[in-house]
Amino acid sequence: MIIEETIKDVRAELLRAHEKYGSFHSPHEGYAVLLEETNELWTAVKQKSGSDIYHEAVQVAAMAIQIAVQSYQGIDTLLDTKVDPVIEDELQKRRDEWLKRWDEYDLSTGERRQ
C-alpha cells in the first residue's frame, strides 16, 4: 500500500539525514531545518512538480519526526534511544490505530470507504 511505502521512504530519509548530519543541537536548529524543508516543499508545490513535491514532503516528514524523537522525554540522539517497553507498546497501539484510520479512506478521492 502507498502509505507503507511512503513511511519506508520517510524512515530511509530520516536515517540518511541523521547519518549525514547527526542530531539537532537544539530545538531551534531542528525548527530551522524543518522550516527550510517546508520552504522547499512550498517551492515544489508552486511549480506543480509531483515528484519534487513527494521528495520534499518526505523530507519535511523526516525532519518533523527527528524533532519529535529528540524532544521525547529529553532524548538527544536518534539512534541511541531506549524507550520503556510499556511506552513502546502504547506507541505501537497508537501507530496501528493511525494506520487503520488511514486505511478507511480512499486516498485518490479522499472519501471514506464503505
N, C-alpha and C. Protein backbone atom coordinates (compact mmCIF):
# COMPACT_ATOMS: atom_id res chain seq x y z
N MET A 1 0.84 -1.18 0.00
CA MET A 1 0.00 0.00 0.00
C MET A 1 0.88 1.25 0.00
N ILE A 2 0.39 2.31 -0.56
CA ILE A 2 1.19 3.53 -0.73
C ILE A 2 1.60 4.17 0.59
N ILE A 3 0.78 4.06 1.62
CA ILE A 3 1.15 4.65 2.91
C ILE A 3 2.39 3.96 3.47
N GLU A 4 2.41 2.64 3.42
CA GLU A 4 3.57 1.91 3.93
C GLU A 4 4.84 2.25 3.15
N GLU A 5 4.72 2.38 1.83
CA GLU A 5 5.88 2.74 1.01
C GLU A 5 6.37 4.15 1.36
N THR A 6 5.44 5.05 1.57
CA THR A 6 5.82 6.42 1.93
C THR A 6 6.49 6.44 3.30
N ILE A 7 5.96 5.68 4.24
CA ILE A 7 6.57 5.61 5.57
C ILE A 7 7.98 5.03 5.46
N LYS A 8 8.17 4.04 4.61
CA LYS A 8 9.52 3.49 4.40
C LYS A 8 10.45 4.56 3.84
N ASP A 9 9.95 5.36 2.90
CA ASP A 9 10.76 6.43 2.33
C ASP A 9 11.11 7.47 3.38
N VAL A 10 10.14 7.80 4.25
CA VAL A 10 10.40 8.77 5.33
C VAL A 10 11.46 8.21 6.28
N ARG A 11 11.33 6.94 6.63
CA ARG A 11 12.30 6.32 7.54
C ARG A 11 13.69 6.33 6.91
N ALA A 12 13.78 5.98 5.64
CA ALA A 12 15.07 5.97 4.96
C ALA A 12 15.68 7.37 4.93
N GLU A 13 14.86 8.38 4.66
CA GLU A 13 15.35 9.76 4.64
C GLU A 13 15.79 10.20 6.03
N LEU A 14 15.03 9.81 7.04
CA LEU A 14 15.37 10.14 8.42
C LEU A 14 16.74 9.57 8.79
N LEU A 15 16.95 8.30 8.48
CA LEU A 15 18.22 7.67 8.80
C LEU A 15 19.37 8.23 7.96
N ARG A 16 19.11 8.52 6.67
CA ARG A 16 20.14 9.10 5.80
C ARG A 16 20.57 10.47 6.33
N ALA A 17 19.60 11.30 6.65
CA ALA A 17 19.91 12.64 7.13
C ALA A 17 20.63 12.59 8.48
N HIS A 18 20.20 11.67 9.34
CA HIS A 18 20.85 11.57 10.65
C HIS A 18 22.29 11.09 10.50
N GLU A 19 22.51 10.14 9.61
CA GLU A 19 23.87 9.65 9.38
C GLU A 19 24.76 10.76 8.82
N LYS A 20 24.21 11.58 7.95
CA LYS A 20 24.99 12.64 7.31
C LYS A 20 25.22 13.84 8.23
N TYR A 21 24.16 14.25 8.97
CA TYR A 21 24.23 15.50 9.74
C TYR A 21 24.21 15.30 11.26
N GLY A 22 23.80 14.11 11.72
CA GLY A 22 23.70 13.89 13.17
C GLY A 22 22.44 14.51 13.75
N SER A 23 22.41 14.53 15.08
CA SER A 23 21.25 15.08 15.79
C SER A 23 21.25 16.60 15.72
N PHE A 24 20.07 17.18 15.90
CA PHE A 24 19.99 18.63 16.01
C PHE A 24 20.65 19.03 17.34
N HIS A 25 21.30 20.17 17.33
CA HIS A 25 21.95 20.65 18.55
C HIS A 25 20.98 21.32 19.50
N SER A 26 19.83 21.71 18.98
CA SER A 26 18.82 22.36 19.81
C SER A 26 17.49 22.29 19.08
N PRO A 27 16.40 22.52 19.81
CA PRO A 27 15.10 22.60 19.13
C PRO A 27 15.06 23.72 18.09
N HIS A 28 15.79 24.80 18.34
CA HIS A 28 15.83 25.91 17.38
C HIS A 28 16.45 25.46 16.06
N GLU A 29 17.53 24.68 16.14
CA GLU A 29 18.14 24.17 14.92
C GLU A 29 17.17 23.25 14.18
N GLY A 30 16.50 22.38 14.93
CA GLY A 30 15.51 21.49 14.31
C GLY A 30 14.43 22.27 13.60
N TYR A 31 13.93 23.33 14.25
CA TYR A 31 12.90 24.16 13.64
C TYR A 31 13.43 24.83 12.37
N ALA A 32 14.65 25.32 12.41
CA ALA A 32 15.23 25.99 11.23
C ALA A 32 15.34 25.03 10.05
N VAL A 33 15.77 23.79 10.32
CA VAL A 33 15.88 22.80 9.25
C VAL A 33 14.50 22.45 8.72
N LEU A 34 13.54 22.26 9.62
CA LEU A 34 12.16 21.96 9.20
C LEU A 34 11.59 23.10 8.37
N LEU A 35 11.85 24.34 8.77
CA LEU A 35 11.37 25.49 8.01
C LEU A 35 12.00 25.53 6.62
N GLU A 36 13.29 25.24 6.54
CA GLU A 36 13.96 25.21 5.23
C GLU A 36 13.34 24.15 4.33
N GLU A 37 13.11 22.96 4.88
CA GLU A 37 12.50 21.89 4.09
C GLU A 37 11.07 22.25 3.69
N THR A 38 10.34 22.89 4.58
CA THR A 38 8.97 23.32 4.27
C THR A 38 8.97 24.35 3.15
N ASN A 39 9.92 25.26 3.16
CA ASN A 39 10.03 26.25 2.08
C ASN A 39 10.34 25.57 0.75
N GLU A 40 11.19 24.53 0.78
CA GLU A 40 11.48 23.80 -0.45
C GLU A 40 10.23 23.05 -0.94
N LEU A 41 9.44 22.54 -0.01
CA LEU A 41 8.17 21.90 -0.39
C LEU A 41 7.24 22.93 -1.03
N TRP A 42 7.15 24.10 -0.45
CA TRP A 42 6.28 25.15 -1.00
C TRP A 42 6.73 25.53 -2.42
N THR A 43 8.03 25.60 -2.65
CA THR A 43 8.54 25.90 -4.00
C THR A 43 8.10 24.81 -4.97
N ALA A 44 8.22 23.55 -4.58
CA ALA A 44 7.80 22.43 -5.44
C ALA A 44 6.30 22.48 -5.71
N VAL A 45 5.52 22.84 -4.69
CA VAL A 45 4.06 22.95 -4.87
C VAL A 45 3.73 24.03 -5.88
N LYS A 46 4.38 25.18 -5.76
CA LYS A 46 4.12 26.28 -6.69
C LYS A 46 4.51 25.92 -8.12
N GLN A 47 5.54 25.08 -8.26
CA GLN A 47 5.98 24.66 -9.59
C GLN A 47 5.19 23.46 -10.11
N LYS A 48 4.31 22.94 -9.27
CA LYS A 48 3.44 21.81 -9.62
C LYS A 48 4.24 20.61 -10.11
N SER A 49 5.32 20.32 -9.40
CA SER A 49 6.19 19.21 -9.77
C SER A 49 5.91 18.04 -8.83
N GLY A 50 5.15 17.07 -9.30
CA GLY A 50 4.71 15.95 -8.48
C GLY A 50 5.83 15.20 -7.79
N SER A 51 6.88 14.83 -8.52
CA SER A 51 7.96 14.06 -7.90
C SER A 51 8.73 14.91 -6.90
N ASP A 52 8.91 16.20 -7.20
CA ASP A 52 9.58 17.08 -6.25
C ASP A 52 8.72 17.30 -5.01
N ILE A 53 7.41 17.41 -5.19
CA ILE A 53 6.51 17.57 -4.04
C ILE A 53 6.65 16.36 -3.12
N TYR A 54 6.62 15.17 -3.71
CA TYR A 54 6.75 13.94 -2.90
C TYR A 54 8.08 13.94 -2.15
N HIS A 55 9.17 14.19 -2.86
CA HIS A 55 10.51 14.17 -2.27
C HIS A 55 10.60 15.18 -1.12
N GLU A 56 10.13 16.39 -1.35
CA GLU A 56 10.22 17.42 -0.31
C GLU A 56 9.29 17.12 0.86
N ALA A 57 8.11 16.56 0.58
CA ALA A 57 7.19 16.19 1.66
C ALA A 57 7.79 15.09 2.54
N VAL A 58 8.49 14.16 1.92
CA VAL A 58 9.18 13.10 2.68
C VAL A 58 10.25 13.72 3.57
N GLN A 59 10.98 14.70 3.06
CA GLN A 59 11.99 15.36 3.88
C GLN A 59 11.37 16.14 5.03
N VAL A 60 10.26 16.81 4.78
CA VAL A 60 9.57 17.53 5.85
C VAL A 60 9.13 16.55 6.94
N ALA A 61 8.53 15.44 6.53
CA ALA A 61 8.08 14.44 7.50
C ALA A 61 9.26 13.89 8.30
N ALA A 62 10.36 13.60 7.64
CA ALA A 62 11.54 13.06 8.33
C ALA A 62 12.08 14.04 9.35
N MET A 63 12.16 15.31 9.00
CA MET A 63 12.69 16.29 9.93
C MET A 63 11.74 16.52 11.11
N ALA A 64 10.44 16.49 10.84
CA ALA A 64 9.46 16.63 11.92
C ALA A 64 9.58 15.45 12.89
N ILE A 65 9.78 14.26 12.36
CA ILE A 65 9.95 13.08 13.22
C ILE A 65 11.23 13.21 14.03
N GLN A 66 12.31 13.68 13.41
CA GLN A 66 13.56 13.82 14.16
C GLN A 66 13.37 14.79 15.32
N ILE A 67 12.68 15.90 15.10
CA ILE A 67 12.41 16.84 16.18
C ILE A 67 11.60 16.15 17.27
N ALA A 68 10.57 15.42 16.88
CA ALA A 68 9.72 14.74 17.86
C ALA A 68 10.51 13.72 18.67
N VAL A 69 11.32 12.92 17.99
CA VAL A 69 12.11 11.89 18.68
C VAL A 69 13.09 12.52 19.66
N GLN A 70 13.77 13.56 19.22
CA GLN A 70 14.74 14.21 20.10
C GLN A 70 14.06 14.92 21.26
N SER A 71 12.85 15.35 21.09
CA SER A 71 12.13 16.06 22.14
C SER A 71 11.47 15.12 23.14
N TYR A 72 11.26 13.88 22.73
CA TYR A 72 10.55 12.91 23.55
C TYR A 72 11.34 12.63 24.83
N GLN A 73 10.86 13.10 25.93
CA GLN A 73 11.48 12.90 27.24
C GLN A 73 12.97 13.25 27.25
N GLY A 74 13.35 14.28 26.49
CA GLY A 74 14.71 14.77 26.54
C GLY A 74 15.74 13.90 25.84
N ILE A 75 15.30 12.99 24.99
CA ILE A 75 16.25 12.16 24.26
C ILE A 75 17.01 13.05 23.29
N ASP A 76 18.35 12.95 23.29
CA ASP A 76 19.12 13.87 22.46
C ASP A 76 19.76 13.22 21.25
N THR A 77 19.59 11.92 21.06
CA THR A 77 20.09 11.30 19.85
C THR A 77 19.01 10.42 19.26
N LEU A 78 19.08 10.25 17.97
CA LEU A 78 18.04 9.50 17.26
C LEU A 78 18.28 8.00 17.33
N LEU A 79 19.49 7.57 17.17
CA LEU A 79 19.76 6.13 17.06
C LEU A 79 20.04 5.46 18.40
N ASP A 80 20.29 6.24 19.45
CA ASP A 80 20.63 5.68 20.75
C ASP A 80 19.47 5.73 21.73
N THR A 81 18.27 5.75 21.23
CA THR A 81 17.12 5.87 22.11
C THR A 81 16.78 4.53 22.74
N LYS A 82 16.38 4.59 23.99
CA LYS A 82 15.87 3.42 24.69
C LYS A 82 14.54 3.84 25.29
N VAL A 83 13.49 3.22 24.83
CA VAL A 83 12.15 3.57 25.29
C VAL A 83 11.65 2.47 26.19
N ASP A 84 11.02 2.87 27.28
CA ASP A 84 10.41 1.92 28.21
C ASP A 84 9.47 1.00 27.43
N PRO A 85 9.52 -0.32 27.66
CA PRO A 85 8.66 -1.26 26.91
C PRO A 85 7.18 -0.94 27.01
N VAL A 86 6.72 -0.45 28.16
CA VAL A 86 5.30 -0.10 28.31
C VAL A 86 4.96 1.07 27.40
N ILE A 87 5.84 2.06 27.35
CA ILE A 87 5.62 3.21 26.47
C ILE A 87 5.68 2.76 25.01
N GLU A 88 6.63 1.88 24.68
CA GLU A 88 6.75 1.39 23.31
C GLU A 88 5.48 0.66 22.88
N ASP A 89 4.91 -0.15 23.77
CA ASP A 89 3.65 -0.85 23.46
C ASP A 89 2.53 0.15 23.18
N GLU A 90 2.44 1.19 24.00
CA GLU A 90 1.41 2.21 23.81
C GLU A 90 1.61 2.95 22.49
N LEU A 91 2.86 3.29 22.18
CA LEU A 91 3.15 3.96 20.91
C LEU A 91 2.78 3.07 19.73
N GLN A 92 3.07 1.77 19.82
CA GLN A 92 2.73 0.85 18.74
C GLN A 92 1.22 0.77 18.56
N LYS A 93 0.47 0.74 19.65
CA LYS A 93 -1.00 0.73 19.56
C LYS A 93 -1.50 1.98 18.85
N ARG A 94 -0.92 3.13 19.20
CA ARG A 94 -1.33 4.39 18.56
C ARG A 94 -0.98 4.38 17.08
N ARG A 95 0.21 3.87 16.73
CA ARG A 95 0.59 3.78 15.31
C ARG A 95 -0.38 2.89 14.55
N ASP A 96 -0.72 1.73 15.14
CA ASP A 96 -1.64 0.80 14.50
C ASP A 96 -3.01 1.44 14.29
N GLU A 97 -3.50 2.17 15.30
CA GLU A 97 -4.79 2.86 15.18
C GLU A 97 -4.73 3.91 14.07
N TRP A 98 -3.64 4.65 13.99
CA TRP A 98 -3.50 5.69 12.97
C TRP A 98 -3.52 5.06 11.58
N LEU A 99 -2.75 3.97 11.40
CA LEU A 99 -2.73 3.32 10.09
C LEU A 99 -4.09 2.74 9.73
N LYS A 100 -4.80 2.21 10.71
CA LYS A 100 -6.14 1.67 10.46
C LYS A 100 -7.08 2.78 9.99
N ARG A 101 -6.98 3.95 10.63
CA ARG A 101 -7.82 5.08 10.21
C ARG A 101 -7.51 5.49 8.77
N TRP A 102 -6.23 5.51 8.41
CA TRP A 102 -5.86 5.86 7.04
C TRP A 102 -6.42 4.86 6.04
N ASP A 103 -6.42 3.58 6.41
CA ASP A 103 -6.92 2.53 5.52
C ASP A 103 -8.41 2.67 5.26
N GLU A 104 -9.12 3.41 6.09
CA GLU A 104 -10.56 3.60 5.92
C GLU A 104 -10.88 4.59 4.79
N TYR A 105 -9.86 5.27 4.26
CA TYR A 105 -10.09 6.30 3.25
C TYR A 105 -9.48 5.91 1.91
N ASP A 106 -10.18 6.29 0.86
CA ASP A 106 -9.66 6.15 -0.49
C ASP A 106 -8.83 7.39 -0.77
N LEU A 107 -7.51 7.22 -0.85
CA LEU A 107 -6.63 8.36 -0.99
C LEU A 107 -6.78 9.10 -2.31
N SER A 108 -7.32 8.42 -3.33
CA SER A 108 -7.49 9.09 -4.62
C SER A 108 -8.66 10.06 -4.59
N THR A 109 -9.67 9.79 -3.76
CA THR A 109 -10.85 10.66 -3.68
C THR A 109 -10.94 11.41 -2.36
N GLY A 110 -10.25 10.89 -1.34
CA GLY A 110 -10.36 11.50 -0.01
C GLY A 110 -11.61 11.11 0.73
N GLU A 111 -12.40 10.21 0.15
CA GLU A 111 -13.66 9.81 0.78
C GLU A 111 -13.47 8.54 1.57
N ARG A 112 -14.32 8.41 2.59
CA ARG A 112 -14.28 7.21 3.41
C ARG A 112 -14.83 6.02 2.64
N ARG A 113 -14.14 4.89 2.74
CA ARG A 113 -14.60 3.68 2.07
C ARG A 113 -15.81 3.12 2.79
N GLN A 114 -16.66 2.47 2.03
CA GLN A 114 -17.89 1.86 2.60
C GLN A 114 -17.60 0.56 3.28
